[in-house]
Amino acid sequence: MTRIEYQQCIDACVKSMDACNYSYISSLKEYDLASLRESIRLNRECADICSFAAQAMSRQSPFVVPILRLCAEICEACAAENSRHVHTHCKECIKATLACAEACRLITDAALAHA
């Protein structure tokens, strides 16, 4: 695939990364940090893999498919954890990470179909 064919997924990864970073920072400002500990950890991890996935697609890495599989898995785990919380930043993070996971799976499913 070309960078242009990846663009929708790249955009979803960047949006997810931004939402996770925002939720990460916002969570650190909450009063009950102990209840948000796993959310904070997953937000950080998810932001990192989304950034890495976007970069891998941009440079057309031969490892895009396994990277996107991992990205989708981490995005889904992040969304599941954030769904345990009522904060607006958590809700926004859920939307972005689930959209990213879906975009990643579209590419990995297409790669499997062409294999």
PDB file of N, CA and C in Angstrom:
ATOM      1  N   MET A   1       0.832  -1.181   0.000  1.00  0.00           N
ATOM      2  CA  MET A   1       0.000   0.000   0.000  1.00  0.00           C
ATOM      3  C   MET A   1       0.881   1.250   0.000  1.00  0.00           C
ATOM      4  N   THR A   2       0.345   2.308  -0.536  1.00  0.00           N
ATOM      5  CA  THR A   2       1.072   3.572  -0.562  1.00  0.00           C
ATOM      6  C   THR A   2       0.670   4.429   0.625  1.00  0.00           C
ATOM      7  N   ARG A   3       1.412   5.480   0.825  1.00  0.00           N
ATOM      8  CA  ARG A   3       1.100   6.405   1.919  1.00  0.00           C
ATOM      9  C   ARG A   3      -0.306   6.966   1.742  1.00  0.00           C
ATOM     10  N   ILE A   4      -0.708   7.246   0.520  1.00  0.00           N
ATOM     11  CA  ILE A   4      -2.047   7.779   0.258  1.00  0.00           C
ATOM     12  C   ILE A   4      -3.107   6.757   0.664  1.00  0.00           C
ATOM     13  N   GLU A   5      -2.869   5.487   0.381  1.00  0.00           N
ATOM     14  CA  GLU A   5      -3.825   4.441   0.765  1.00  0.00           C
ATOM     15  C   GLU A   5      -3.882   4.271   2.283  1.00  0.00           C
ATOM     16  N   TYR A   6      -2.822   4.592   2.965  1.00  0.00           N
ATOM     17  CA  TYR A   6      -2.765   4.513   4.425  1.00  0.00           C
ATOM     18  C   TYR A   6      -3.337   5.760   5.105  1.00  0.00           C
ATOM     19  N   GLN A   7      -3.581   6.831   4.355  1.00  0.00           N
ATOM     20  CA  GLN A   7      -3.846   8.138   4.964  1.00  0.00           C
ATOM     21  C   GLN A   7      -4.984   8.128   5.979  1.00  0.00           C
ATOM     22  N   GLN A   8      -6.080   7.443   5.707  1.00  0.00           N
ATOM     23  CA  GLN A   8      -7.189   7.411   6.659  1.00  0.00           C
ATOM     24  C   GLN A   8      -6.753   6.789   7.987  1.00  0.00           C
ATOM     25  N   CYS A   9      -5.969   5.737   7.913  1.00  0.00           N
ATOM     26  CA  CYS A   9      -5.481   5.085   9.125  1.00  0.00           C
ATOM     27  C   CYS A   9      -4.446   5.962   9.832  1.00  0.00           C
ATOM     28  N   ILE A  10      -3.594   6.620   9.078  1.00  0.00           N
ATOM     29  CA  ILE A  10      -2.622   7.544   9.672  1.00  0.00           C
ATOM     30  C   ILE A  10      -3.369   8.631  10.438  1.00  0.00           C
ATOM     31  N   ASP A  11      -4.400   9.192   9.814  1.00  0.00           N
ATOM     32  CA  ASP A  11      -5.191  10.242  10.469  1.00  0.00           C
ATOM     33  C   ASP A  11      -5.848   9.726  11.743  1.00  0.00           C
ATOM     34  N   ALA A  12      -6.381   8.518  11.701  1.00  0.00           N
ATOM     35  CA  ALA A  12      -7.024   7.922  12.886  1.00  0.00           C
ATOM     36  C   ALA A  12      -5.997   7.694  13.986  1.00  0.00           C
ATOM     37  N   CYS A  13      -4.802   7.267  13.619  1.00  0.00           N
ATOM     38  CA  CYS A  13      -3.740   7.059  14.606  1.00  0.00           C
ATOM     39  C   CYS A  13      -3.334   8.368  15.264  1.00  0.00           C
ATOM     40  N   VAL A  14      -3.205   9.417  14.476  1.00  0.00           N
ATOM     41  CA  VAL A  14      -2.818  10.717  15.024  1.00  0.00           C
ATOM     42  C   VAL A  14      -3.914  11.245  15.954  1.00  0.00           C
ATOM     43  N   LYS A  15      -5.173  11.108  15.557  1.00  0.00           N
ATOM     44  CA  LYS A  15      -6.280  11.548  16.423  1.00  0.00           C
ATOM     45  C   LYS A  15      -6.307  10.753  17.724  1.00  0.00           C
ATOM     46  N   SER A  16      -6.069   9.461  17.624  1.00  0.00           N
ATOM     47  CA  SER A  16      -6.035   8.621  18.820  1.00  0.00           C
ATOM     48  C   SER A  16      -4.871   9.020  19.722  1.00  0.00           C
ATOM     49  N   MET A  17      -3.713   9.239  19.133  1.00  0.00           N
ATOM     50  CA  MET A  17      -2.549   9.667  19.898  1.00  0.00           C
ATOM     51  C   MET A  17      -2.844  10.976  20.640  1.00  0.00           C
ATOM     52  N   ASP A  18      -3.442  11.930  19.931  1.00  0.00           N
ATOM     53  CA  ASP A  18      -3.775  13.212  20.557  1.00  0.00           C
ATOM     54  C   ASP A  18      -4.776  13.038  21.699  1.00  0.00           C
ATOM     55  N   ALA A  19      -5.816  12.230  21.470  1.00  0.00           N
ATOM     56  CA  ALA A  19      -6.834  12.007  22.509  1.00  0.00           C
ATOM     57  C   ALA A  19      -6.236  11.299  23.719  1.00  0.00           C
ATOM     58  N   CYS A  20      -5.372  10.331  23.471  1.00  0.00           N
ATOM     59  CA  CYS A  20      -4.724   9.615  24.575  1.00  0.00           C
ATOM     60  C   CYS A  20      -3.798  10.530  25.366  1.00  0.00           C
ATOM     61  N   ASN A  21      -3.038  11.358  24.665  1.00  0.00           N
ATOM     62  CA  ASN A  21      -2.159  12.298  25.358  1.00  0.00           C
ATOM     63  C   ASN A  21      -2.966  13.293  26.194  1.00  0.00           C
ATOM     64  N   TYR A  22      -4.061  13.776  25.639  1.00  0.00           N
ATOM     65  CA  TYR A  22      -4.911  14.711  26.377  1.00  0.00           C
ATOM     66  C   TYR A  22      -5.520  14.030  27.605  1.00  0.00           C
ATOM     67  N   SER A  23      -6.000  12.811  27.422  1.00  0.00           N
ATOM     68  CA  SER A  23      -6.586  12.083  28.545  1.00  0.00           C
ATOM     69  C   SER A  23      -5.528  11.773  29.602  1.00  0.00           C
ATOM     70  N   TYR A  24      -4.348  11.430  29.170  1.00  0.00           N
ATOM     71  CA  TYR A  24      -3.223  11.170  30.073  1.00  0.00           C
ATOM     72  C   TYR A  24      -2.946  12.390  30.959  1.00  0.00           C
ATOM     73  N   ILE A  25      -2.776  13.543  30.321  1.00  0.00           N
ATOM     74  CA  ILE A  25      -2.487  14.770  31.061  1.00  0.00           C
ATOM     75  C   ILE A  25      -3.667  15.159  31.954  1.00  0.00           C
ATOM     76  N   SER A  26      -4.879  15.039  31.424  1.00  0.00           N
ATOM     77  CA  SER A  26      -6.073  15.395  32.205  1.00  0.00           C
ATOM     78  C   SER A  26      -6.243  14.475  33.401  1.00  0.00           C
ATOM     79  N   SER A  27      -5.954  13.198  33.214  1.00  0.00           N
ATOM     80  CA  SER A  27      -6.076  12.240  34.315  1.00  0.00           C
ATOM     81  C   SER A  27      -5.117  12.561  35.446  1.00  0.00           C
ATOM     82  N   LEU A  28      -3.933  13.033  35.100  1.00  0.00           N
ATOM     83  CA  LEU A  28      -2.949  13.383  36.125  1.00  0.00           C
ATOM     84  C   LEU A  28      -3.417  14.560  36.989  1.00  0.00           C
ATOM     85  N   LYS A  29      -4.379  15.315  36.493  1.00  0.00           N
ATOM     86  CA  LYS A  29      -4.909  16.465  37.236  1.00  0.00           C
ATOM     87  C   LYS A  29      -6.119  16.104  38.097  1.00  0.00           C
ATOM     88  N   GLU A  30      -6.600  14.863  37.986  1.00  0.00           N
ATOM     89  CA  GLU A  30      -7.768  14.434  38.757  1.00  0.00           C
ATOM     90  C   GLU A  30      -7.365  14.168  40.207  1.00  0.00           C
ATOM     91  N   TYR A  31      -8.344  14.189  41.087  1.00  0.00           N
ATOM     92  CA  TYR A  31      -8.081  13.992  42.517  1.00  0.00           C
ATOM     93  C   TYR A  31      -7.786  12.539  42.869  1.00  0.00           C
ATOM     94  N   ASP A  32      -8.495  11.610  42.252  1.00  0.00           N
ATOM     95  CA  ASP A  32      -8.356  10.202  42.617  1.00  0.00           C
ATOM     96  C   ASP A  32      -7.433   9.476  41.627  1.00  0.00           C
ATOM     97  N   LEU A  33      -6.161   9.774  41.706  1.00  0.00           N
ATOM     98  CA  LEU A  33      -5.181   9.180  40.784  1.00  0.00           C
ATOM     99  C   LEU A  33      -5.137   7.657  40.885  1.00  0.00           C
ATOM    100  N   ALA A  34      -5.349   7.128  42.069  1.00  0.00           N
ATOM    101  CA  ALA A  34      -5.272   5.676  42.243  1.00  0.00           C
ATOM    102  C   ALA A  34      -6.292   4.963  41.364  1.00  0.00           C
ATOM    103  N   SER A  35      -7.489   5.505  41.231  1.00  0.00           N
ATOM    104  CA  SER A  35      -8.515   4.843  40.420  1.00  0.00           C
ATOM    105  C   SER A  35      -8.231   4.978  38.925  1.00  0.00           C
ATOM    106  N   LEU A  36      -7.394   5.929  38.565  1.00  0.00           N
ATOM    107  CA  LEU A  36      -7.074   6.177  37.155  1.00  0.00           C
ATOM    108  C   LEU A  36      -5.720   5.603  36.736  1.00  0.00           C
ATOM    109  N   ARG A  37      -5.050   4.934  37.654  1.00  0.00           N
ATOM    110  CA  ARG A  37      -3.686   4.465  37.397  1.00  0.00           C
ATOM    111  C   ARG A  37      -3.576   3.642  36.102  1.00  0.00           C
ATOM    112  N   GLU A  38      -4.441   2.656  35.918  1.00  0.00           N
ATOM    113  CA  GLU A  38      -4.366   1.803  34.722  1.00  0.00           C
ATOM    114  C   GLU A  38      -4.748   2.584  33.470  1.00  0.00           C
ATOM    115  N   SER A  39      -5.696   3.470  33.596  1.00  0.00           N
ATOM    116  CA  SER A  39      -6.079   4.319  32.466  1.00  0.00           C
ATOM    117  C   SER A  39      -4.916   5.202  32.036  1.00  0.00           C
ATOM    118  N   ILE A  40      -4.244   5.783  32.994  1.00  0.00           N
ATOM    119  CA  ILE A  40      -3.089   6.632  32.710  1.00  0.00           C
ATOM    120  C   ILE A  40      -2.001   5.824  31.992  1.00  0.00           C
ATOM    121  N   ARG A  41      -1.725   4.633  32.492  1.00  0.00           N
ATOM    122  CA  ARG A  41      -0.699   3.783  31.872  1.00  0.00           C
ATOM    123  C   ARG A  41      -1.073   3.426  30.439  1.00  0.00           C
ATOM    124  N   LEU A  42      -2.334   3.004  30.238  1.00  0.00           N
ATOM    125  CA  LEU A  42      -2.762   2.610  28.895  1.00  0.00           C
ATOM    126  C   LEU A  42      -2.850   3.803  27.944  1.00  0.00           C
ATOM    127  N   ASN A  43      -3.236   4.962  28.454  1.00  0.00           N
ATOM    128  CA  ASN A  43      -3.252   6.153  27.598  1.00  0.00           C
ATOM    129  C   ASN A  43      -1.856   6.443  27.061  1.00  0.00           C
ATOM    130  N   ARG A  44      -0.866   6.331  27.926  1.00  0.00           N
ATOM    131  CA  ARG A  44       0.520   6.584  27.515  1.00  0.00           C
ATOM    132  C   ARG A  44       0.979   5.536  26.491  1.00  0.00           C
ATOM    133  N   GLU A  45       0.693   4.278  26.786  1.00  0.00           N
ATOM    134  CA  GLU A  45       1.100   3.194  25.889  1.00  0.00           C
ATOM    135  C   GLU A  45       0.399   3.306  24.537  1.00  0.00           C
ATOM    136  N   CYS A  46      -0.880   3.634  24.568  1.00  0.00           N
ATOM    137  CA  CYS A  46      -1.657   3.755  23.339  1.00  0.00           C
ATOM    138  C   CYS A  46      -1.152   4.927  22.496  1.00  0.00           C
ATOM    139  N   ALA A  47      -0.889   6.051  23.118  1.00  0.00           N
ATOM    140  CA  ALA A  47      -0.361   7.201  22.376  1.00  0.00           C
ATOM    141  C   ALA A  47       0.950   6.832  21.681  1.00  0.00           C
ATOM    142  N   ASP A  48       1.795   6.097  22.378  1.00  0.00           N
ATOM    143  CA  ASP A  48       3.084   5.704  21.800  1.00  0.00           C
ATOM    144  C   ASP A  48       2.916   4.781  20.599  1.00  0.00           C
ATOM    145  N   ILE A  49       2.053   3.766  20.704  1.00  0.00           N
ATOM    146  CA  ILE A  49       1.901   2.824  19.589  1.00  0.00           C
ATOM    147  C   ILE A  49       1.193   3.495  18.413  1.00  0.00           C
ATOM    148  N   CYS A  50       0.271   4.409  18.686  1.00  0.00           N
ATOM    149  CA  CYS A  50      -0.397   5.123  17.594  1.00  0.00           C
ATOM    150  C   CYS A  50       0.596   5.984  16.821  1.00  0.00           C
ATOM    151  N   SER A  51       1.478   6.651  17.533  1.00  0.00           N
ATOM    152  CA  SER A  51       2.519   7.447  16.890  1.00  0.00           C
ATOM    153  C   SER A  51       3.435   6.557  16.053  1.00  0.00           C
ATOM    154  N   PHE A  52       3.846   5.442  16.637  1.00  0.00           N
ATOM    155  CA  PHE A  52       4.730   4.512  15.933  1.00  0.00           C
ATOM    156  C   PHE A  52       4.048   3.936  14.693  1.00  0.00           C
ATOM    157  N   ALA A  53       2.770   3.595  14.805  1.00  0.00           N
ATOM    158  CA  ALA A  53       2.030   3.029  13.669  1.00  0.00           C
ATOM    159  C   ALA A  53       1.924   4.053  12.535  1.00  0.00           C
ATOM    160  N   ALA A  54       1.627   5.295  12.869  1.00  0.00           N
ATOM    161  CA  ALA A  54       1.538   6.340  11.841  1.00  0.00           C
ATOM    162  C   ALA A  54       2.888   6.510  11.137  1.00  0.00           C
ATOM    163  N   GLN A  55       3.957   6.485  11.910  1.00  0.00           N
ATOM    164  CA  GLN A  55       5.291   6.613  11.316  1.00  0.00           C
ATOM    165  C   GLN A  55       5.614   5.417  10.426  1.00  0.00           C
ATOM    166  N   ALA A  56       5.255   4.221  10.869  1.00  0.00           N
ATOM    167  CA  ALA A  56       5.527   3.016  10.083  1.00  0.00           C
ATOM    168  C   ALA A  56       4.783   3.054   8.752  1.00  0.00           C
ATOM    169  N   MET A  57       3.530   3.508   8.785  1.00  0.00           N
ATOM    170  CA  MET A  57       2.776   3.616   7.529  1.00  0.00           C
ATOM    171  C   MET A  57       3.374   4.694   6.637  1.00  0.00           C
ATOM    172  N   SER A  58       3.794   5.803   7.208  1.00  0.00           N
ATOM    173  CA  SER A  58       4.373   6.904   6.431  1.00  0.00           C
ATOM    174  C   SER A  58       5.627   6.472   5.683  1.00  0.00           C
ATOM    175  N   ARG A  59       6.409   5.623   6.309  1.00  0.00           N
ATOM    176  CA  ARG A  59       7.646   5.173   5.652  1.00  0.00           C
ATOM    177  C   ARG A  59       7.480   3.820   4.970  1.00  0.00           C
ATOM    178  N   GLN A  60       6.240   3.322   4.922  1.00  0.00           N
ATOM    179  CA  GLN A  60       5.908   2.050   4.274  1.00  0.00           C
ATOM    180  C   GLN A  60       6.786   0.903   4.780  1.00  0.00           C
ATOM    181  N   SER A  61       6.839   0.802   6.075  1.00  0.00           N
ATOM    182  CA  SER A  61       7.599  -0.259   6.724  1.00  0.00           C
ATOM    183  C   SER A  61       7.068  -1.631   6.306  1.00  0.00           C
ATOM    184  N   PRO A  62       7.951  -2.613   6.147  1.00  0.00           N
ATOM    185  CA  PRO A  62       7.481  -3.962   5.844  1.00  0.00           C
ATOM    186  C   PRO A  62       6.779  -4.609   7.045  1.00  0.00           C
ATOM    187  N   PHE A  63       6.810  -3.953   8.193  1.00  0.00           N
ATOM    188  CA  PHE A  63       6.202  -4.489   9.406  1.00  0.00           C
ATOM    189  C   PHE A  63       4.872  -3.814   9.745  1.00  0.00           C
ATOM    190  N   VAL A  64       4.286  -3.118   8.778  1.00  0.00           N
ATOM    191  CA  VAL A  64       3.048  -2.374   9.034  1.00  0.00           C
ATOM    192  C   VAL A  64       1.948  -3.274   9.571  1.00  0.00           C
ATOM    193  N   VAL A  65       1.737  -4.431   8.974  1.00  0.00           N
ATOM    194  CA  VAL A  65       0.611  -5.281   9.383  1.00  0.00           C
ATOM    195  C   VAL A  65       0.733  -5.721  10.848  1.00  0.00           C
ATOM    196  N   PRO A  66       1.853  -6.276  11.291  1.00  0.00           N
ATOM    197  CA  PRO A  66       1.918  -6.636  12.718  1.00  0.00           C
ATOM    198  C   PRO A  66       1.860  -5.415  13.650  1.00  0.00           C
ATOM    199  N   ILE A  67       2.418  -4.295  13.209  1.00  0.00           N
ATOM    200  CA  ILE A  67       2.350  -3.079  14.032  1.00  0.00           C
ATOM    201  C   ILE A  67       0.894  -2.632  14.171  1.00  0.00           C
ATOM    202  N   LEU A  68       0.138  -2.669  13.079  1.00  0.00           N
ATOM    203  CA  LEU A  68      -1.264  -2.251  13.137  1.00  0.00           C
ATOM    204  C   LEU A  68      -2.117  -3.231  13.936  1.00  0.00           C
ATOM    205  N   ARG A  69      -1.785  -4.499  13.886  1.00  0.00           N
ATOM    206  CA  ARG A  69      -2.501  -5.471  14.729  1.00  0.00           C
ATOM    207  C   ARG A  69      -2.307  -5.128  16.206  1.00  0.00           C
ATOM    208  N   LEU A  70      -1.069  -4.857  16.578  1.00  0.00           N
ATOM    209  CA  LEU A  70      -0.757  -4.489  17.957  1.00  0.00           C
ATOM    210  C   LEU A  70      -1.419  -3.159  18.319  1.00  0.00           C
ATOM    211  N   CYS A  71      -1.387  -2.208  17.410  1.00  0.00           N
ATOM    212  CA  CYS A  71      -2.009  -0.914  17.656  1.00  0.00           C
ATOM    213  C   CYS A  71      -3.506  -1.092  17.935  1.00  0.00           C
ATOM    214  N   ALA A  72      -4.185  -1.889  17.128  1.00  0.00           N
ATOM    215  CA  ALA A  72      -5.616  -2.129  17.327  1.00  0.00           C
ATOM    216  C   ALA A  72      -5.873  -2.774  18.684  1.00  0.00           C
ATOM    217  N   GLU A  73      -5.045  -3.730  19.046  1.00  0.00           N
ATOM    218  CA  GLU A  73      -5.205  -4.425  20.329  1.00  0.00           C
ATOM    219  C   GLU A  73      -5.032  -3.464  21.512  1.00  0.00           C
ATOM    220  N   ILE A  74      -4.020  -2.627  21.449  1.00  0.00           N
ATOM    221  CA  ILE A  74      -3.776  -1.672  22.533  1.00  0.00           C
ATOM    222  C   ILE A  74      -4.873  -0.606  22.559  1.00  0.00           C
ATOM    223  N   CYS A  75      -5.307  -0.141  21.403  1.00  0.00           N
ATOM    224  CA  CYS A  75      -6.400   0.840  21.352  1.00  0.00           C
ATOM    225  C   CYS A  75      -7.668   0.281  21.986  1.00  0.00           C
ATOM    226  N   GLU A  76      -7.974  -0.967  21.704  1.00  0.00           N
ATOM    227  CA  GLU A  76      -9.168  -1.585  22.281  1.00  0.00           C
ATOM    228  C   GLU A  76      -9.033  -1.752  23.798  1.00  0.00           C
ATOM    229  N   ALA A  77      -7.850  -2.106  24.257  1.00  0.00           N
ATOM    230  CA  ALA A  77      -7.620  -2.225  25.698  1.00  0.00           C
ATOM    231  C   ALA A  77      -7.742  -0.859  26.374  1.00  0.00           C
ATOM    232  N   CYS A  78      -7.227   0.162  25.734  1.00  0.00           N
ATOM    233  CA  CYS A  78      -7.308   1.518  26.266  1.00  0.00           C
ATOM    234  C   CYS A  78      -8.766   1.971  26.342  1.00  0.00           C
ATOM    235  N   ALA A  79      -9.532   1.707  25.300  1.00  0.00           N
ATOM    236  CA  ALA A  79     -10.954   2.078  25.292  1.00  0.00           C
ATOM    237  C   ALA A  79     -11.709   1.346  26.388  1.00  0.00           C
ATOM    238  N   ALA A  80     -11.425   0.073  26.564  1.00  0.00           N
ATOM    239  CA  ALA A  80     -12.105  -0.716  27.600  1.00  0.00           C
ATOM    240  C   ALA A  80     -11.806  -0.153  28.987  1.00  0.00           C
ATOM    241  N   GLU A  81     -10.556   0.189  29.226  1.00  0.00           N
ATOM    242  CA  GLU A  81     -10.191   0.750  30.535  1.00  0.00           C
ATOM    243  C   GLU A  81     -10.832   2.120  30.738  1.00  0.00           C
ATOM    244  N   ASN A  82     -10.801   2.953  29.724  1.00  0.00           N
ATOM    245  CA  ASN A  82     -11.389   4.291  29.845  1.00  0.00           C
ATOM    246  C   ASN A  82     -12.901   4.233  30.022  1.00  0.00           C
ATOM    247  N   SER A  83     -13.530   3.167  29.565  1.00  0.00           N
ATOM    248  CA  SER A  83     -14.984   3.044  29.716  1.00  0.00           C
ATOM    249  C   SER A  83     -15.392   2.856  31.181  1.00  0.00           C
ATOM    250  N   ARG A  84     -14.438   2.583  32.041  1.00  0.00           N
ATOM    251  CA  ARG A  84     -14.698   2.440  33.477  1.00  0.00           C
ATOM    252  C   ARG A  84     -14.797   3.795  34.182  1.00  0.00           C
ATOM    253  N   HIS A  85     -14.518   4.884  33.446  1.00  0.00           N
ATOM    254  CA  HIS A  85     -14.459   6.210  34.043  1.00  0.00           C
ATOM    255  C   HIS A  85     -15.476   7.154  33.404  1.00  0.00           C
ATOM    256  N   VAL A  86     -15.875   8.165  34.143  1.00  0.00           N
ATOM    257  CA  VAL A  86     -16.931   9.077  33.690  1.00  0.00           C
ATOM    258  C   VAL A  86     -16.409  10.398  33.131  1.00  0.00           C
ATOM    259  N   HIS A  87     -15.136  10.623  33.201  1.00  0.00           N
ATOM    260  CA  HIS A  87     -14.557  11.898  32.781  1.00  0.00           C
ATOM    261  C   HIS A  87     -14.741  12.115  31.274  1.00  0.00           C
ATOM    262  N   THR A  88     -14.962  13.352  30.900  1.00  0.00           N
ATOM    263  CA  THR A  88     -15.140  13.693  29.483  1.00  0.00           C
ATOM    264  C   THR A  88     -13.916  13.310  28.667  1.00  0.00           C
ATOM    265  N   HIS A  89     -12.727  13.544  29.198  1.00  0.00           N
ATOM    266  CA  HIS A  89     -11.508  13.201  28.451  1.00  0.00           C
ATOM    267  C   HIS A  89     -11.410  11.693  28.227  1.00  0.00           C
ATOM    268  N   CYS A  90     -11.933  10.894  29.144  1.00  0.00           N
ATOM    269  CA  CYS A  90     -11.941   9.435  28.948  1.00  0.00           C
ATOM    270  C   CYS A  90     -12.910   9.056  27.831  1.00  0.00           C
ATOM    271  N   LYS A  91     -14.064   9.703  27.798  1.00  0.00           N
ATOM    272  CA  LYS A  91     -15.065   9.419  26.760  1.00  0.00           C
ATOM    273  C   LYS A  91     -14.536   9.785  25.371  1.00  0.00           C
ATOM    274  N   GLU A  92     -13.852  10.910  25.278  1.00  0.00           N
ATOM    275  CA  GLU A  92     -13.266  11.320  24.000  1.00  0.00           C
ATOM    276  C   GLU A  92     -12.167  10.349  23.569  1.00  0.00           C
ATOM    277  N   CYS A  93     -11.427   9.871  24.529  1.00  0.00           N
ATOM    278  CA  CYS A  93     -10.370   8.907  24.250  1.00  0.00           C
ATOM    279  C   CYS A  93     -10.965   7.592  23.716  1.00  0.00           C
ATOM    280  N   ILE A  94     -12.064   7.179  24.291  1.00  0.00           N
ATOM    281  CA  ILE A  94     -12.729   5.954  23.834  1.00  0.00           C
ATOM    282  C   ILE A  94     -13.089   6.069  22.355  1.00  0.00           C
ATOM    283  N   LYS A  95     -13.715   7.169  21.983  1.00  0.00           N
ATOM    284  CA  LYS A  95     -14.125   7.362  20.581  1.00  0.00           C
ATOM    285  C   LYS A  95     -12.923   7.291  19.647  1.00  0.00           C
ATOM    286  N   ALA A  96     -11.878   8.002  19.995  1.00  0.00           N
ATOM    287  CA  ALA A  96     -10.702   8.066  19.122  1.00  0.00           C
ATOM    288  C   ALA A  96      -9.978   6.729  19.030  1.00  0.00           C
ATOM    289  N   THR A  97      -9.843   6.033  20.157  1.00  0.00           N
ATOM    290  CA  THR A  97      -9.109   4.763  20.124  1.00  0.00           C
ATOM    291  C   THR A  97      -9.901   3.681  19.393  1.00  0.00           C
ATOM    292  N   LEU A  98     -11.212   3.675  19.544  1.00  0.00           N
ATOM    293  CA  LEU A  98     -12.011   2.682  18.817  1.00  0.00           C
ATOM    294  C   LEU A  98     -12.013   2.954  17.312  1.00  0.00           C
ATOM    295  N   ALA A  99     -12.026   4.225  16.937  1.00  0.00           N
ATOM    296  CA  ALA A  99     -11.936   4.568  15.514  1.00  0.00           C
ATOM    297  C   ALA A  99     -10.585   4.154  14.947  1.00  0.00           C
ATOM    298  N   CYS A 100      -9.542   4.334  15.730  1.00  0.00           N
ATOM    299  CA  CYS A 100      -8.204   3.931  15.298  1.00  0.00           C
ATOM    300  C   CYS A 100      -8.121   2.411  15.157  1.00  0.00           C
ATOM    301  N   ALA A 101      -8.636   1.700  16.143  1.00  0.00           N
ATOM    302  CA  ALA A 101      -8.615   0.236  16.076  1.00  0.00           C
ATOM    303  C   ALA A 101      -9.338  -0.254  14.823  1.00  0.00           C
ATOM    304  N   GLU A 102     -10.472   0.365  14.515  1.00  0.00           N
ATOM    305  CA  GLU A 102     -11.225  -0.029  13.321  1.00  0.00           C
ATOM    306  C   GLU A 102     -10.426   0.243  12.046  1.00  0.00           C
ATOM    307  N   ALA A 103      -9.798   1.418  11.961  1.00  0.00           N
ATOM    308  CA  ALA A 103      -8.989   1.761  10.792  1.00  0.00           C
ATOM    309  C   ALA A 103      -7.810   0.802  10.637  1.00  0.00           C
ATOM    310  N   CYS A 104      -7.179   0.453  11.746  1.00  0.00           N
ATOM    311  CA  CYS A 104      -6.058  -0.498  11.704  1.00  0.00           C
ATOM    312  C   CYS A 104      -6.525  -1.869  11.232  1.00  0.00           C
ATOM    313  N   ARG A 105      -7.659  -2.310  11.733  1.00  0.00           N
ATOM    314  CA  ARG A 105      -8.175  -3.634  11.355  1.00  0.00           C
ATOM    315  C   ARG A 105      -8.595  -3.685   9.886  1.00  0.00           C
ATOM    316  N   LEU A 106      -9.068  -2.574   9.343  1.00  0.00           N
ATOM    317  CA  LEU A 106      -9.405  -2.548   7.912  1.00  0.00           C
ATOM    318  C   LEU A 106      -8.171  -2.852   7.066  1.00  0.00           C
ATOM    319  N   ILE A 107      -7.052  -2.286   7.452  1.00  0.00           N
ATOM    320  CA  ILE A 107      -5.815  -2.522   6.693  1.00  0.00           C
ATOM    321  C   ILE A 107      -5.300  -3.933   6.913  1.00  0.00           C
ATOM    322  N   THR A 108      -5.300  -4.403   8.155  1.00  0.00           N
ATOM    323  CA  THR A 108      -4.788  -5.751   8.409  1.00  0.00           C
ATOM    324  C   THR A 108      -5.685  -6.809   7.771  1.00  0.00           C
ATOM    325  N   ASP A 109      -6.995  -6.588   7.789  1.00  0.00           N
ATOM    326  CA  ASP A 109      -7.919  -7.537   7.148  1.00  0.00           C
ATOM    327  C   ASP A 109      -7.713  -7.550   5.629  1.00  0.00           C
ATOM    328  N   ALA A 110      -7.492  -6.376   5.056  1.00  0.00           N
ATOM    329  CA  ALA A 110      -7.246  -6.298   3.606  1.00  0.00           C
ATOM    330  C   ALA A 110      -5.941  -6.991   3.240  1.00  0.00           C
ATOM    331  N   ALA A 111      -4.933  -6.853   4.106  1.00  0.00           N
ATOM    332  CA  ALA A 111      -3.642  -7.508   3.851  1.00  0.00           C
ATOM    333  C   ALA A 111      -3.802  -9.018   3.897  1.00  0.00           C
ATOM    334  N   LEU A 112      -4.605  -9.519   4.820  1.00  0.00           N
ATOM    335  CA  LEU A 112      -4.849 -10.968   4.907  1.00  0.00           C
ATOM    336  C   LEU A 112      -5.606 -11.470   3.679  1.00  0.00           C
ATOM    337  N   ALA A 113      -6.545 -10.676   3.186  1.00  0.00           N
ATOM    338  CA  ALA A 113      -7.334 -11.064   2.025  1.00  0.00           C
ATOM    339  C   ALA A 113      -6.476 -11.158   0.776  1.00  0.00           C
ATOM    340  N   HIS A 114      -5.419 -10.337   0.718  1.00  0.00           N
ATOM    341  CA  HIS A 114      -4.533 -10.325  -0.464  1.00  0.00           C
ATOM    342  C   HIS A 114      -3.341 -11.251  -0.311  1.00  0.00           C
ATOM    343  N   ALA A 115      -3.213 -11.909   0.824  1.00  0.00           N
ATOM    344  CA  ALA A 115      -2.055 -12.773   1.062  1.00  0.00           C
ATOM    345  C   ALA A 115      -2.224 -14.127   0.426  1.00  0.00           C
TER     346      ALA A 115
END
